[in-house]
Amino acid sequence: MKPFDPQLYAENDERGRTAVKNWLVNRGCRVEDFFQYDVDLIVKKGNRWICFVEVEVRSWDECRYSTIHIAKRKEKLLDNAMPTFMFVCGGSLRVGYFCPSRAVLTSPVVNVPNKHMAQELFYDVPISRFTKIDLLNKSY
């Protein structure tokens, strides 16, 4: 399993959370950081908490692949009592993709060598399971 990288966290966590928070707030949601279970955000609509959100920022600006890889180590963050959504943001934070955690957890698991690990397991989630969004669009 990939060890925690404080530099990657510092470079991406806050800016990814902020981009997704702003997008959700512009759609009438109340959003708060949620650290209790290590999930990134908790979302309220009206008077009711409705879901958790996990956020990742990628090096690409827009996904040009047929699948998006979500690290298997994230599964503990995606299986919650409330619905949970996975948001993947392009590096420029202009474009994002989101899907329900069930789409991630029911996708095939593949071993993908990458720049951080010689071997790491990922959910291989078809891009068709994600909804593409314009993170800068402030209207409903």
C-alpha atoms as a PDB file:
ATOM      1  CA  MET A   1       0.000   0.000   0.000  1.00  0.00           C
ATOM      2  CA  LYS A   2       1.257   3.470  -0.894  1.00  0.00           C
ATOM      3  CA  PRO A   3       2.484   5.290   2.198  1.00  0.00           C
ATOM      4  CA  PHE A   4       1.002   8.667   3.050  1.00  0.00           C
ATOM      5  CA  ASP A   5       2.823  11.439   1.174  1.00  0.00           C
ATOM      6  CA  PRO A   6       2.602  14.756   3.064  1.00  0.00           C
ATOM      7  CA  GLN A   7       3.871  16.739   0.052  1.00  0.00           C
ATOM      8  CA  LEU A   8       1.152  15.386  -2.285  1.00  0.00           C
ATOM      9  CA  TYR A   9      -1.415  16.000   0.443  1.00  0.00           C
ATOM     10  CA  ALA A  10      -0.253  19.598   0.905  1.00  0.00           C
ATOM     11  CA  GLU A  11      -0.278  20.232  -2.848  1.00  0.00           C
ATOM     12  CA  ASN A  12      -3.739  18.817  -3.539  1.00  0.00           C
ATOM     13  CA  ASP A  13      -6.031  18.205  -0.575  1.00  0.00           C
ATOM     14  CA  GLU A  14      -7.225  21.695   0.312  1.00  0.00           C
ATOM     15  CA  ARG A  15      -7.535  22.923  -3.271  1.00  0.00           C
ATOM     16  CA  GLY A  16      -9.498  19.829  -4.335  1.00  0.00           C
ATOM     17  CA  ARG A  17     -11.827  20.062  -1.341  1.00  0.00           C
ATOM     18  CA  THR A  18     -12.386  23.765  -1.995  1.00  0.00           C
ATOM     19  CA  ALA A  19     -13.216  23.256  -5.686  1.00  0.00           C
ATOM     20  CA  VAL A  20     -15.769  20.525  -4.911  1.00  0.00           C
ATOM     21  CA  LYS A  21     -17.205  22.458  -1.950  1.00  0.00           C
ATOM     22  CA  ASN A  22     -17.742  25.529  -4.146  1.00  0.00           C
ATOM     23  CA  TRP A  23     -19.402  23.439  -6.862  1.00  0.00           C
ATOM     24  CA  LEU A  24     -21.770  21.842  -4.336  1.00  0.00           C
ATOM     25  CA  VAL A  25     -22.545  25.132  -2.571  1.00  0.00           C
ATOM     26  CA  ASN A  26     -23.453  26.661  -5.946  1.00  0.00           C
ATOM     27  CA  ARG A  27     -26.039  23.864  -6.216  1.00  0.00           C
ATOM     28  CA  GLY A  28     -27.709  24.738  -2.934  1.00  0.00           C
ATOM     29  CA  CYS A  29     -25.864  22.370  -0.615  1.00  0.00           C
ATOM     30  CA  ARG A  30     -24.197  23.078   2.698  1.00  0.00           C
ATOM     31  CA  VAL A  31     -20.783  21.434   2.832  1.00  0.00           C
ATOM     32  CA  GLU A  32     -18.396  20.895   5.722  1.00  0.00           C
ATOM     33  CA  ASP A  33     -15.022  19.236   6.094  1.00  0.00           C
ATOM     34  CA  PHE A  34     -15.528  15.872   7.741  1.00  0.00           C
ATOM     35  CA  PHE A  35     -12.547  14.238   9.371  1.00  0.00           C
ATOM     36  CA  GLN A  36     -14.282  11.826  11.745  1.00  0.00           C
ATOM     37  CA  TYR A  37     -13.959   8.841   9.411  1.00  0.00           C
ATOM     38  CA  ASP A  38     -11.285  10.361   7.167  1.00  0.00           C
ATOM     39  CA  VAL A  39     -13.892  11.078   4.468  1.00  0.00           C
ATOM     40  CA  ASP A  40     -13.254  14.548   3.021  1.00  0.00           C
ATOM     41  CA  LEU A  41     -16.673  16.230   3.107  1.00  0.00           C
ATOM     42  CA  ILE A  42     -20.204  15.870   4.445  1.00  0.00           C
ATOM     43  CA  VAL A  43     -23.091  17.431   2.495  1.00  0.00           C
ATOM     44  CA  LYS A  44     -26.412  18.798   3.722  1.00  0.00           C
ATOM     45  CA  LYS A  45     -29.401  19.653   1.550  1.00  0.00           C
ATOM     46  CA  GLY A  46     -32.230  21.455   3.310  1.00  0.00           C
ATOM     47  CA  ASN A  47     -32.299  20.230   6.911  1.00  0.00           C
ATOM     48  CA  ARG A  48     -30.819  16.805   6.226  1.00  0.00           C
ATOM     49  CA  TRP A  49     -27.299  15.440   5.901  1.00  0.00           C
ATOM     50  CA  ILE A  50     -27.430  13.555   2.602  1.00  0.00           C
ATOM     51  CA  CYS A  51     -23.985  12.189   1.728  1.00  0.00           C
ATOM     52  CA  PHE A  52     -20.251  11.988   2.198  1.00  0.00           C
ATOM     53  CA  VAL A  53     -17.754  13.025  -0.473  1.00  0.00           C
ATOM     54  CA  GLU A  54     -14.208  11.792  -1.083  1.00  0.00           C
ATOM     55  CA  VAL A  55     -12.050  14.036  -3.316  1.00  0.00           C
ATOM     56  CA  GLU A  56      -8.922  13.351  -5.370  1.00  0.00           C
ATOM     57  CA  VAL A  57      -6.924  15.656  -7.649  1.00  0.00           C
ATOM     58  CA  ARG A  58      -5.153  14.188 -10.675  1.00  0.00           C
ATOM     59  CA  SER A  59      -2.212  15.415 -12.728  1.00  0.00           C
ATOM     60  CA  TRP A  60      -4.238  15.444 -15.969  1.00  0.00           C
ATOM     61  CA  ASP A  61      -6.649  18.298 -16.664  1.00  0.00           C
ATOM     62  CA  GLU A  62      -9.351  16.257 -18.398  1.00  0.00           C
ATOM     63  CA  CYS A  63      -9.687  12.481 -18.419  1.00  0.00           C
ATOM     64  CA  ARG A  64      -8.846  10.994 -21.816  1.00  0.00           C
ATOM     65  CA  TYR A  65      -9.008   7.397 -20.623  1.00  0.00           C
ATOM     66  CA  SER A  66     -11.766   4.796 -20.772  1.00  0.00           C
ATOM     67  CA  THR A  67     -11.442   4.193 -17.025  1.00  0.00           C
ATOM     68  CA  ILE A  68     -10.472   6.125 -13.919  1.00  0.00           C
ATOM     69  CA  HIS A  69      -8.398   4.304 -11.331  1.00  0.00           C
ATOM     70  CA  ILE A  70      -9.361   4.636  -7.671  1.00  0.00           C
ATOM     71  CA  ALA A  71      -6.888   3.142  -5.202  1.00  0.00           C
ATOM     72  CA  LYS A  72      -8.276   0.039  -3.491  1.00  0.00           C
ATOM     73  CA  ARG A  73      -6.913   1.392  -0.200  1.00  0.00           C
ATOM     74  CA  LYS A  74      -9.706   4.027  -0.430  1.00  0.00           C
ATOM     75  CA  GLU A  75     -12.443   1.398  -0.065  1.00  0.00           C
ATOM     76  CA  LYS A  76     -12.667   2.032   3.694  1.00  0.00           C
ATOM     77  CA  LEU A  77     -13.614   5.642   2.877  1.00  0.00           C
ATOM     78  CA  LEU A  78     -16.268   4.660   0.347  1.00  0.00           C
ATOM     79  CA  ASP A  79     -18.333   2.169   2.363  1.00  0.00           C
ATOM     80  CA  ASN A  80     -20.396   4.250   4.776  1.00  0.00           C
ATOM     81  CA  ALA A  81     -23.825   4.356   6.406  1.00  0.00           C
ATOM     82  CA  MET A  82     -24.735   7.346   4.215  1.00  0.00           C
ATOM     83  CA  PRO A  83     -24.365   7.482   0.439  1.00  0.00           C
ATOM     84  CA  THR A  84     -20.827   8.417  -0.549  1.00  0.00           C
ATOM     85  CA  PHE A  85     -19.593   9.983  -3.776  1.00  0.00           C
ATOM     86  CA  MET A  86     -16.130   9.887  -5.301  1.00  0.00           C
ATOM     87  CA  PHE A  87     -15.033  13.142  -6.947  1.00  0.00           C
ATOM     88  CA  VAL A  88     -11.960  13.138  -9.189  1.00  0.00           C
ATOM     89  CA  CYS A  89     -10.744  16.599 -10.209  1.00  0.00           C
ATOM     90  CA  GLY A  90      -8.424  17.474 -13.058  1.00  0.00           C
ATOM     91  CA  GLY A  91      -5.235  19.218 -11.957  1.00  0.00           C
ATOM     92  CA  SER A  92      -6.368  22.644 -13.153  1.00  0.00           C
ATOM     93  CA  LEU A  93      -9.633  22.235 -11.163  1.00  0.00           C
ATOM     94  CA  ARG A  94     -11.708  23.225 -14.182  1.00  0.00           C
ATOM     95  CA  VAL A  95     -13.148  19.754 -14.845  1.00  0.00           C
ATOM     96  CA  GLY A  96     -14.268  17.089 -12.407  1.00  0.00           C
ATOM     97  CA  TYR A  97     -15.913  13.680 -12.464  1.00  0.00           C
ATOM     98  CA  PHE A  98     -18.076  12.090  -9.799  1.00  0.00           C
ATOM     99  CA  CYS A  99     -19.804   8.787  -9.224  1.00  0.00           C
ATOM    100  CA  PRO A 100     -21.494   6.960  -6.371  1.00  0.00           C
ATOM    101  CA  SER A 101     -19.142   4.861  -4.291  1.00  0.00           C
ATOM    102  CA  ARG A 102     -21.058   1.727  -5.295  1.00  0.00           C
ATOM    103  CA  ALA A 103     -19.811   2.260  -8.879  1.00  0.00           C
ATOM    104  CA  VAL A 104     -16.258   2.177  -7.549  1.00  0.00           C
ATOM    105  CA  LEU A 105     -16.715  -0.748  -5.168  1.00  0.00           C
ATOM    106  CA  THR A 106     -18.346  -2.945  -7.834  1.00  0.00           C
ATOM    107  CA  SER A 107     -15.687  -2.277 -10.483  1.00  0.00           C
ATOM    108  CA  PRO A 108     -12.910  -4.759 -11.285  1.00  0.00           C
ATOM    109  CA  VAL A 109      -9.672  -4.498  -9.326  1.00  0.00           C
ATOM    110  CA  VAL A 110      -6.435  -4.328 -11.319  1.00  0.00           C
ATOM    111  CA  ASN A 111      -2.752  -4.075 -10.451  1.00  0.00           C
ATOM    112  CA  VAL A 112      -1.310  -0.860 -11.852  1.00  0.00           C
ATOM    113  CA  PRO A 113       2.362   0.028 -11.501  1.00  0.00           C
ATOM    114  CA  ASN A 114       2.695   3.800 -11.162  1.00  0.00           C
ATOM    115  CA  LYS A 115       5.173   6.533 -10.320  1.00  0.00           C
ATOM    116  CA  HIS A 116       4.588   6.059  -6.589  1.00  0.00           C
ATOM    117  CA  MET A 117       4.506   2.251  -6.309  1.00  0.00           C
ATOM    118  CA  ALA A 118       5.880  -0.652  -8.340  1.00  0.00           C
ATOM    119  CA  GLN A 119       2.576  -2.452  -7.707  1.00  0.00           C
ATOM    120  CA  GLU A 120      -0.711  -1.106  -6.393  1.00  0.00           C
ATOM    121  CA  LEU A 121      -4.303  -2.320  -6.589  1.00  0.00           C
ATOM    122  CA  PHE A 122      -6.902   0.001  -8.099  1.00  0.00           C
ATOM    123  CA  TYR A 123     -10.582  -0.154  -8.887  1.00  0.00           C
ATOM    124  CA  ASP A 124     -10.786   0.186 -12.671  1.00  0.00           C
ATOM    125  CA  VAL A 125     -13.948   2.300 -12.937  1.00  0.00           C
ATOM    126  CA  PRO A 126     -15.366   2.854 -16.444  1.00  0.00           C
ATOM    127  CA  ILE A 127     -15.569   6.543 -17.324  1.00  0.00           C
ATOM    128  CA  SER A 128     -19.219   5.892 -18.244  1.00  0.00           C
ATOM    129  CA  ARG A 129     -19.977   5.426 -14.522  1.00  0.00           C
ATOM    130  CA  PHE A 130     -18.855   9.016 -13.824  1.00  0.00           C
ATOM    131  CA  THR A 131     -20.676  12.277 -14.438  1.00  0.00           C
ATOM    132  CA  LYS A 132     -18.409  14.944 -15.915  1.00  0.00           C
ATOM    133  CA  ILE A 133     -18.804  18.430 -14.421  1.00  0.00           C
ATOM    134  CA  ASP A 134     -17.527  21.935 -15.018  1.00  0.00           C
ATOM    135  CA  LEU A 135     -16.150  22.870 -11.596  1.00  0.00           C
ATOM    136  CA  LEU A 136     -16.191  26.571 -12.534  1.00  0.00           C
ATOM    137  CA  ASN A 137     -19.887  26.597 -13.522  1.00  0.00           C
ATOM    138  CA  LYS A 138     -21.668  28.535 -10.817  1.00  0.00           C
ATOM    139  CA  SER A 139     -25.217  27.944 -12.050  1.00  0.00           C
ATOM    140  CA  TYR A 140     -27.508  25.007 -11.339  1.00  0.00           C
END
